[in-house]
Amino acid sequence: MKKNEDPYVWIMNLECLRQRIAECGKTIYDNELIMHILYHLPTEHDNINDQYLKELDDAKKIELEDLRADLLCKYDQLVDLGHIEKHNDNDTDKEEKALKTGYKKQFKGKCRVCGKMFTKVQIVGL
């Protein structure tokens, strides 16, 4: 995640990638996604990162929605304090923005997991 990036959009993009990978037969569990998120947070989110890593060390269950809510809260605080410049898209919903970050491209190929041939339109650049 980049410093000025909205965590909602970033996590939504990761979930889209996870879904596409699942279509090829490989499952990415919530814990794996949570670890990826924690290891790729910018330094402005160190307090959240430390908190969740400690919970993982203590073998506590972490919910993806709780992590998302905490990251959004921190992001809003950083925007309010002026540490992060928020991009103003009044007409665009955050989910639509997540889909607009990539462009559509037709893809033909073979799944690396199951070997199945497929052709589909995918969003590239997420």
N, C-alpha and C. Protein backbone atom coordinates (compact mmCIF):
# COMPACT_ATOMS: atom_id res chain seq x y z
N MET A 1 0.85 -1.17 0.00
CA MET A 1 0.00 0.00 0.00
C MET A 1 0.89 1.24 0.00
N LYS A 2 0.52 2.20 -0.78
CA LYS A 2 1.27 3.46 -0.82
C LYS A 2 0.80 4.39 0.29
N LYS A 3 1.59 5.38 0.59
CA LYS A 3 1.30 6.29 1.70
C LYS A 3 -0.07 6.96 1.56
N ASN A 4 -0.40 7.47 0.39
CA ASN A 4 -1.65 8.21 0.19
C ASN A 4 -2.80 7.34 -0.28
N GLU A 5 -2.60 6.04 -0.35
CA GLU A 5 -3.63 5.15 -0.90
C GLU A 5 -4.71 4.86 0.14
N ASP A 6 -5.94 4.85 -0.34
CA ASP A 6 -7.09 4.54 0.51
C ASP A 6 -7.07 3.04 0.82
N PRO A 7 -7.04 2.66 2.10
CA PRO A 7 -6.97 1.24 2.44
C PRO A 7 -8.20 0.45 1.98
N TYR A 8 -9.35 1.10 1.90
CA TYR A 8 -10.55 0.40 1.43
C TYR A 8 -10.36 -0.08 0.00
N VAL A 9 -9.87 0.81 -0.85
CA VAL A 9 -9.66 0.47 -2.26
C VAL A 9 -8.56 -0.58 -2.39
N TRP A 10 -7.49 -0.43 -1.62
CA TRP A 10 -6.37 -1.34 -1.69
C TRP A 10 -6.79 -2.76 -1.28
N ILE A 11 -7.52 -2.88 -0.18
CA ILE A 11 -7.97 -4.19 0.29
C ILE A 11 -8.99 -4.77 -0.68
N MET A 12 -9.84 -3.93 -1.25
CA MET A 12 -10.80 -4.40 -2.24
C MET A 12 -10.07 -4.98 -3.45
N ASN A 13 -9.02 -4.33 -3.88
CA ASN A 13 -8.23 -4.84 -5.00
C ASN A 13 -7.59 -6.18 -4.64
N LEU A 14 -7.08 -6.31 -3.42
CA LEU A 14 -6.50 -7.58 -2.98
C LEU A 14 -7.56 -8.68 -2.96
N GLU A 15 -8.76 -8.35 -2.54
CA GLU A 15 -9.83 -9.35 -2.52
C GLU A 15 -10.23 -9.76 -3.93
N CYS A 16 -10.20 -8.83 -4.86
CA CYS A 16 -10.48 -9.16 -6.27
C CYS A 16 -9.40 -10.11 -6.80
N LEU A 17 -8.15 -9.83 -6.48
CA LEU A 17 -7.07 -10.72 -6.90
C LEU A 17 -7.22 -12.09 -6.26
N ARG A 18 -7.60 -12.13 -4.99
CA ARG A 18 -7.79 -13.39 -4.30
C ARG A 18 -8.90 -14.20 -4.97
N GLN A 19 -9.96 -13.53 -5.38
CA GLN A 19 -11.06 -14.21 -6.05
C GLN A 19 -10.62 -14.78 -7.40
N ARG A 20 -9.84 -14.02 -8.15
CA ARG A 20 -9.36 -14.50 -9.43
C ARG A 20 -8.42 -15.69 -9.26
N ILE A 21 -7.60 -15.66 -8.23
CA ILE A 21 -6.72 -16.79 -7.95
C ILE A 21 -7.54 -18.01 -7.55
N ALA A 22 -8.60 -17.79 -6.80
CA ALA A 22 -9.48 -18.90 -6.39
C ALA A 22 -10.14 -19.55 -7.61
N GLU A 23 -10.45 -18.75 -8.63
CA GLU A 23 -11.04 -19.30 -9.85
C GLU A 23 -10.08 -20.26 -10.55
N CYS A 24 -8.80 -20.10 -10.30
CA CYS A 24 -7.79 -20.99 -10.89
C CYS A 24 -7.52 -22.20 -10.00
N GLY A 25 -8.17 -22.27 -8.85
CA GLY A 25 -8.05 -23.44 -8.00
C GLY A 25 -7.17 -23.30 -6.78
N LYS A 26 -6.61 -22.15 -6.54
CA LYS A 26 -5.75 -21.93 -5.36
C LYS A 26 -6.50 -21.06 -4.37
N THR A 27 -6.61 -21.52 -3.14
CA THR A 27 -7.32 -20.78 -2.10
C THR A 27 -6.34 -19.97 -1.28
N ILE A 28 -6.65 -18.69 -1.12
CA ILE A 28 -5.89 -17.82 -0.22
C ILE A 28 -6.80 -17.53 0.96
N TYR A 29 -6.38 -17.99 2.13
CA TYR A 29 -7.19 -17.86 3.33
C TYR A 29 -7.08 -16.45 3.91
N ASP A 30 -8.05 -16.10 4.77
CA ASP A 30 -8.06 -14.77 5.39
C ASP A 30 -6.76 -14.48 6.13
N ASN A 31 -6.23 -15.48 6.84
CA ASN A 31 -4.99 -15.25 7.59
C ASN A 31 -3.83 -14.88 6.68
N GLU A 32 -3.75 -15.51 5.52
CA GLU A 32 -2.70 -15.18 4.56
C GLU A 32 -2.87 -13.77 4.02
N LEU A 33 -4.11 -13.39 3.75
CA LEU A 33 -4.39 -12.05 3.26
C LEU A 33 -4.09 -11.01 4.35
N ILE A 34 -4.44 -11.31 5.58
CA ILE A 34 -4.16 -10.40 6.69
C ILE A 34 -2.65 -10.21 6.86
N MET A 35 -1.90 -11.29 6.77
CA MET A 35 -0.44 -11.18 6.89
C MET A 35 0.13 -10.33 5.75
N HIS A 36 -0.38 -10.52 4.54
CA HIS A 36 0.08 -9.72 3.40
C HIS A 36 -0.20 -8.24 3.65
N ILE A 37 -1.40 -7.95 4.14
CA ILE A 37 -1.77 -6.56 4.42
C ILE A 37 -0.84 -5.97 5.47
N LEU A 38 -0.61 -6.69 6.55
CA LEU A 38 0.22 -6.17 7.64
C LEU A 38 1.66 -5.94 7.19
N TYR A 39 2.18 -6.81 6.35
CA TYR A 39 3.57 -6.67 5.91
C TYR A 39 3.75 -5.59 4.84
N HIS A 40 2.66 -5.09 4.28
CA HIS A 40 2.77 -4.08 3.22
C HIS A 40 2.14 -2.74 3.60
N LEU A 41 2.02 -2.48 4.89
CA LEU A 41 1.48 -1.18 5.33
C LEU A 41 2.60 -0.15 5.37
N PRO A 42 2.29 1.11 5.04
CA PRO A 42 3.30 2.16 5.17
C PRO A 42 3.58 2.47 6.64
N THR A 43 4.65 3.18 6.89
CA THR A 43 5.09 3.45 8.26
C THR A 43 4.07 4.25 9.07
N GLU A 44 3.18 4.98 8.41
CA GLU A 44 2.17 5.75 9.13
C GLU A 44 1.20 4.85 9.89
N HIS A 45 1.15 3.59 9.53
CA HIS A 45 0.24 2.64 10.16
C HIS A 45 0.96 1.69 11.11
N ASP A 46 2.15 2.07 11.58
CA ASP A 46 2.95 1.19 12.42
C ASP A 46 2.25 0.78 13.71
N ASN A 47 1.47 1.70 14.31
CA ASN A 47 0.80 1.34 15.56
C ASN A 47 -0.24 0.25 15.35
N ILE A 48 -0.97 0.30 14.25
CA ILE A 48 -1.94 -0.75 13.93
C ILE A 48 -1.21 -2.04 13.61
N ASN A 49 -0.13 -1.92 12.84
CA ASN A 49 0.67 -3.07 12.48
C ASN A 49 1.19 -3.79 13.72
N ASP A 50 1.77 -3.04 14.65
CA ASP A 50 2.29 -3.62 15.87
C ASP A 50 1.20 -4.29 16.70
N GLN A 51 0.05 -3.64 16.78
CA GLN A 51 -1.07 -4.19 17.55
C GLN A 51 -1.52 -5.54 16.99
N TYR A 52 -1.70 -5.62 15.69
CA TYR A 52 -2.19 -6.85 15.08
C TYR A 52 -1.13 -7.95 15.07
N LEU A 53 0.13 -7.58 14.88
CA LEU A 53 1.18 -8.59 14.94
C LEU A 53 1.31 -9.17 16.34
N LYS A 54 1.10 -8.34 17.36
CA LYS A 54 1.12 -8.84 18.74
C LYS A 54 -0.04 -9.80 18.96
N GLU A 55 -1.21 -9.47 18.43
CA GLU A 55 -2.36 -10.36 18.56
C GLU A 55 -2.10 -11.69 17.86
N LEU A 56 -1.42 -11.64 16.72
CA LEU A 56 -1.08 -12.89 16.03
C LEU A 56 -0.09 -13.71 16.85
N ASP A 57 0.88 -13.04 17.47
CA ASP A 57 1.84 -13.73 18.33
C ASP A 57 1.15 -14.39 19.52
N ASP A 58 0.09 -13.75 20.01
CA ASP A 58 -0.66 -14.29 21.15
C ASP A 58 -1.70 -15.32 20.70
N ALA A 59 -1.67 -15.69 19.43
CA ALA A 59 -2.58 -16.69 18.84
C ALA A 59 -4.04 -16.28 18.93
N LYS A 60 -4.31 -14.97 18.84
CA LYS A 60 -5.69 -14.49 18.80
C LYS A 60 -6.17 -14.48 17.35
N LYS A 61 -7.46 -14.72 17.19
CA LYS A 61 -8.06 -14.71 15.86
C LYS A 61 -8.31 -13.27 15.43
N ILE A 62 -7.88 -12.95 14.24
CA ILE A 62 -8.05 -11.61 13.69
C ILE A 62 -9.05 -11.69 12.54
N GLU A 63 -10.02 -10.80 12.58
CA GLU A 63 -11.02 -10.73 11.51
C GLU A 63 -10.57 -9.68 10.49
N LEU A 64 -10.71 -10.01 9.23
CA LEU A 64 -10.34 -9.10 8.15
C LEU A 64 -11.13 -7.80 8.23
N GLU A 65 -12.39 -7.88 8.58
CA GLU A 65 -13.24 -6.69 8.67
C GLU A 65 -12.78 -5.76 9.79
N ASP A 66 -12.29 -6.32 10.91
CA ASP A 66 -11.77 -5.49 12.00
C ASP A 66 -10.51 -4.75 11.55
N LEU A 67 -9.63 -5.45 10.86
CA LEU A 67 -8.41 -4.82 10.35
C LEU A 67 -8.76 -3.72 9.36
N ARG A 68 -9.70 -4.00 8.47
CA ARG A 68 -10.12 -3.00 7.48
C ARG A 68 -10.68 -1.76 8.17
N ALA A 69 -11.52 -1.96 9.19
CA ALA A 69 -12.12 -0.83 9.91
C ALA A 69 -11.06 0.00 10.62
N ASP A 70 -10.09 -0.66 11.24
CA ASP A 70 -9.01 0.07 11.93
C ASP A 70 -8.15 0.85 10.94
N LEU A 71 -7.86 0.26 9.79
CA LEU A 71 -7.07 0.96 8.78
C LEU A 71 -7.82 2.17 8.22
N LEU A 72 -9.11 2.02 8.01
CA LEU A 72 -9.91 3.16 7.52
C LEU A 72 -9.96 4.27 8.55
N CYS A 73 -10.11 3.91 9.81
CA CYS A 73 -10.13 4.90 10.88
C CYS A 73 -8.81 5.67 10.94
N LYS A 74 -7.70 4.92 10.86
CA LYS A 74 -6.38 5.55 10.89
C LYS A 74 -6.18 6.44 9.66
N TYR A 75 -6.62 5.96 8.50
CA TYR A 75 -6.51 6.74 7.27
C TYR A 75 -7.28 8.05 7.39
N ASP A 76 -8.50 7.98 7.93
CA ASP A 76 -9.30 9.20 8.11
C ASP A 76 -8.63 10.16 9.09
N GLN A 77 -8.01 9.62 10.14
CA GLN A 77 -7.29 10.48 11.09
C GLN A 77 -6.12 11.18 10.41
N LEU A 78 -5.37 10.44 9.60
CA LEU A 78 -4.22 11.03 8.90
C LEU A 78 -4.67 12.10 7.91
N VAL A 79 -5.80 11.87 7.27
CA VAL A 79 -6.35 12.88 6.34
C VAL A 79 -6.77 14.12 7.12
N ASP A 80 -7.46 13.93 8.25
CA ASP A 80 -7.92 15.06 9.06
C ASP A 80 -6.75 15.88 9.61
N LEU A 81 -5.66 15.21 9.95
CA LEU A 81 -4.49 15.91 10.48
C LEU A 81 -3.65 16.56 9.38
N GLY A 82 -3.96 16.25 8.13
CA GLY A 82 -3.23 16.84 7.01
C GLY A 82 -1.96 16.09 6.64
N HIS A 83 -1.75 14.91 7.20
CA HIS A 83 -0.55 14.13 6.89
C HIS A 83 -0.68 13.41 5.55
N ILE A 84 -1.92 13.20 5.11
CA ILE A 84 -2.19 12.53 3.85
C ILE A 84 -3.19 13.39 3.07
N GLU A 85 -2.92 13.54 1.78
CA GLU A 85 -3.84 14.28 0.92
C GLU A 85 -4.84 13.30 0.33
N LYS A 86 -6.10 13.54 0.57
CA LYS A 86 -7.16 12.66 0.08
C LYS A 86 -7.59 13.12 -1.29
N HIS A 87 -7.72 12.17 -2.19
CA HIS A 87 -8.21 12.49 -3.53
C HIS A 87 -9.71 12.60 -3.46
N ASN A 88 -10.26 13.70 -3.96
CA ASN A 88 -11.69 13.97 -3.86
C ASN A 88 -12.42 13.44 -5.08
N ASP A 89 -13.17 12.36 -4.90
CA ASP A 89 -14.03 11.81 -5.95
C ASP A 89 -15.44 11.73 -5.39
N ASN A 90 -16.17 12.85 -5.46
CA ASN A 90 -17.50 12.90 -4.87
C ASN A 90 -18.49 11.99 -5.58
N ASP A 91 -18.39 11.88 -6.91
CA ASP A 91 -19.36 11.12 -7.66
C ASP A 91 -19.07 9.62 -7.68
N THR A 92 -17.86 9.24 -7.33
CA THR A 92 -17.45 7.85 -7.49
C THR A 92 -17.49 7.13 -6.15
N ASP A 93 -18.22 6.04 -6.11
CA ASP A 93 -18.24 5.19 -4.93
C ASP A 93 -16.89 4.48 -4.81
N LYS A 94 -16.49 4.14 -3.61
CA LYS A 94 -15.19 3.51 -3.41
C LYS A 94 -15.09 2.17 -4.14
N GLU A 95 -16.16 1.41 -4.19
CA GLU A 95 -16.11 0.13 -4.90
C GLU A 95 -15.93 0.34 -6.40
N GLU A 96 -16.60 1.34 -6.95
CA GLU A 96 -16.44 1.64 -8.37
C GLU A 96 -15.03 2.12 -8.64
N LYS A 97 -14.48 2.89 -7.71
CA LYS A 97 -13.11 3.39 -7.87
C LYS A 97 -12.12 2.24 -7.91
N ALA A 98 -12.38 1.22 -7.09
CA ALA A 98 -11.50 0.06 -7.07
C ALA A 98 -11.49 -0.64 -8.43
N LEU A 99 -12.64 -0.71 -9.06
CA LEU A 99 -12.72 -1.35 -10.36
C LEU A 99 -12.14 -0.48 -11.47
N LYS A 100 -12.18 0.85 -11.28
CA LYS A 100 -11.68 1.75 -12.31
C LYS A 100 -10.17 1.89 -12.28
N THR A 101 -9.50 1.40 -11.24
CA THR A 101 -8.05 1.55 -11.16
C THR A 101 -7.35 0.70 -12.19
N GLY A 102 -8.00 -0.33 -12.70
CA GLY A 102 -7.42 -1.18 -13.73
C GLY A 102 -8.10 -0.94 -15.06
N TYR A 103 -7.61 -1.58 -16.09
CA TYR A 103 -8.28 -1.48 -17.38
C TYR A 103 -8.60 -2.90 -17.84
N LYS A 104 -9.60 -3.01 -18.72
CA LYS A 104 -10.06 -4.32 -19.16
C LYS A 104 -9.17 -4.83 -20.29
N LYS A 105 -8.89 -6.13 -20.24
CA LYS A 105 -8.07 -6.76 -21.25
C LYS A 105 -8.54 -8.19 -21.41
N GLN A 106 -8.66 -8.64 -22.65
CA GLN A 106 -9.04 -10.03 -22.87
C GLN A 106 -7.82 -10.89 -22.64
N PHE A 107 -8.03 -12.00 -21.97
CA PHE A 107 -6.93 -12.87 -21.58
C PHE A 107 -7.22 -14.28 -22.06
N LYS A 108 -6.29 -14.87 -22.77
CA LYS A 108 -6.39 -16.26 -23.17
C LYS A 108 -5.20 -16.97 -22.57
N GLY A 109 -5.43 -18.09 -21.97
CA GLY A 109 -4.30 -18.78 -21.41
C GLY A 109 -4.68 -20.07 -20.72
N LYS A 110 -3.70 -20.62 -20.04
CA LYS A 110 -3.86 -21.88 -19.33
C LYS A 110 -3.62 -21.63 -17.85
N CYS A 111 -4.50 -22.19 -17.03
CA CYS A 111 -4.34 -22.08 -15.59
C CYS A 111 -3.08 -22.83 -15.18
N ARG A 112 -2.24 -22.20 -14.38
CA ARG A 112 -1.00 -22.83 -13.94
C ARG A 112 -1.23 -23.91 -12.90
N VAL A 113 -2.39 -23.92 -12.28
CA VAL A 113 -2.70 -24.91 -11.25
C VAL A 113 -3.34 -26.15 -11.85
N CYS A 114 -4.43 -25.95 -12.60
CA CYS A 114 -5.19 -27.11 -13.10
C CYS A 114 -4.93 -27.41 -14.57
N GLY A 115 -4.32 -26.49 -15.31
CA GLY A 115 -4.04 -26.71 -16.72
C GLY A 115 -5.20 -26.41 -17.66
N LYS A 116 -6.32 -25.95 -17.13
CA LYS A 116 -7.52 -25.67 -17.91
C LYS A 116 -7.30 -24.43 -18.79
N MET A 117 -7.71 -24.53 -20.05
CA MET A 117 -7.62 -23.39 -20.96
C MET A 117 -8.84 -22.50 -20.78
N PHE A 118 -8.66 -21.19 -20.81
CA PHE A 118 -9.79 -20.29 -20.66
C PHE A 118 -9.51 -18.98 -21.36
N THR A 119 -10.59 -18.29 -21.70
CA THR A 119 -10.55 -16.96 -22.27
C THR A 119 -11.54 -16.12 -21.48
N LYS A 120 -11.08 -15.01 -20.99
CA LYS A 120 -12.00 -14.13 -20.26
C LYS A 120 -11.44 -12.73 -20.22
N VAL A 121 -12.31 -11.81 -19.87
CA VAL A 121 -11.92 -10.41 -19.70
C VAL A 121 -11.52 -10.23 -18.26
N GLN A 122 -10.39 -9.60 -18.06
CA GLN A 122 -9.93 -9.36 -16.70
C GLN A 122 -9.57 -7.90 -16.54
N ILE A 123 -9.53 -7.46 -15.31
CA ILE A 123 -9.11 -6.10 -15.02
C ILE A 123 -7.63 -6.14 -14.68
N VAL A 124 -6.84 -5.42 -15.43
CA VAL A 124 -5.40 -5.44 -15.29
C VAL A 124 -4.95 -4.16 -14.60
N GLY A 125 -3.89 -4.25 -13.82
CA GLY A 125 -3.32 -3.08 -13.18
C GLY A 125 -3.84 -2.83 -11.79
N LEU A 126 -4.42 -3.81 -11.13
CA LEU A 126 -4.92 -3.62 -9.78
C LEU A 126 -3.81 -3.66 -8.82
